[in-house]
């Protein structure tokens, strides 16, 4: 696969969600002390680091959803 191409077939439904997830990714990486490449190419990053970022993002999203559900608000 060439640089910059992705196998991700997910379609973005809400454009603001993509920006929010990107922001969350950088926040989580900073908290973990992991530097995300500015050029957007993750091929030089360790799988352990990218997995840690993704795992912590999911935990944070689940936590946010649980808080919203406990407050009685809808998504």
Protein backbone atom coordinates (compact mmCIF):
# COMPACT_ATOMS: atom_id res chain seq x y z
CA UNK A 1 0.00 0.00 0.00
CA UNK A 2 1.40 3.40 -0.92
CA UNK A 3 2.06 6.15 1.58
CA UNK A 4 -1.02 8.13 2.51
CA UNK A 5 -3.50 5.47 1.42
CA UNK A 6 -5.81 3.81 3.88
CA UNK A 7 -7.77 0.58 3.85
CA UNK A 8 -10.38 2.16 6.09
CA UNK A 9 -13.77 1.91 4.36
CA UNK A 10 -15.72 3.71 7.09
CA UNK A 11 -17.66 6.68 5.80
CA UNK A 12 -17.82 9.84 7.87
CA UNK A 13 -21.43 10.73 8.60
CA UNK A 14 -20.86 13.69 10.92
CA UNK A 15 -17.89 15.82 9.87
CA UNK A 16 -17.50 17.34 13.36
CA UNK A 17 -17.05 13.84 14.78
CA UNK A 18 -13.93 13.28 12.68
CA UNK A 19 -12.38 16.49 13.97
CA UNK A 20 -13.32 15.63 17.57
CA UNK A 21 -11.77 12.16 17.28
CA UNK A 22 -8.60 13.61 15.79
CA UNK A 23 -8.38 16.07 18.70
CA UNK A 24 -8.98 13.23 21.17
CA UNK A 25 -6.22 11.19 19.54
CA UNK A 26 -3.68 13.97 20.09
CA UNK A 27 -4.85 14.54 23.69
CA UNK A 28 -4.50 10.85 24.54
CA UNK A 29 -1.10 10.61 22.85
CA UNK A 30 0.13 13.62 24.80
CA UNK A 31 -1.10 12.12 28.08
CA UNK A 32 0.76 8.89 27.26
CA UNK A 33 3.91 10.76 26.22
CA UNK A 34 3.72 9.48 22.63
CA UNK A 35 4.69 11.78 19.77
CA UNK A 36 2.35 11.50 16.75
CA UNK A 37 4.13 12.12 13.42
CA UNK A 38 3.22 15.51 11.95
CA UNK A 39 3.26 14.12 8.40
CA UNK A 40 0.45 11.69 9.26
CA UNK A 41 2.47 8.58 8.40
CA UNK A 42 2.28 6.07 11.24
CA UNK A 43 4.50 3.43 9.61
CA UNK A 44 7.47 4.35 11.78
CA UNK A 45 5.52 4.19 15.04
CA UNK A 46 5.57 1.07 17.19
CA UNK A 47 2.40 -0.98 17.06
CA UNK A 48 2.35 -0.92 20.85
CA UNK A 49 2.14 2.89 20.81
CA UNK A 50 -0.62 3.14 18.21
CA UNK A 51 -2.56 0.41 20.02
CA UNK A 52 -2.19 2.22 23.33
CA UNK A 53 -3.55 5.42 21.80
CA UNK A 54 -6.52 3.60 20.26
CA UNK A 55 -7.24 1.65 23.43
CA UNK A 56 -7.22 4.75 25.61
CA UNK A 57 -9.44 6.56 23.09
CA UNK A 58 -12.02 3.78 23.31
CA UNK A 59 -11.90 3.82 27.11
CA UNK A 60 -12.43 7.58 27.10
CA UNK A 61 -15.34 7.33 24.63
CA UNK A 62 -17.01 4.60 26.72
CA UNK A 63 -16.56 6.73 29.84
CA UNK A 64 -18.17 9.72 28.11
CA UNK A 65 -21.10 7.58 26.91
CA UNK A 66 -21.61 6.13 30.39
CA UNK A 67 -21.68 9.62 31.90
CA UNK A 68 -24.22 10.78 29.34
CA UNK A 69 -26.41 7.74 29.97
CA UNK A 70 -26.25 8.15 33.73
CA UNK A 71 -27.31 11.79 33.36
CA UNK A 72 -30.30 10.72 31.28
CA UNK A 73 -29.18 12.58 28.18
CA UNK A 74 -29.31 11.06 24.73
CA UNK A 75 -26.49 10.98 22.21
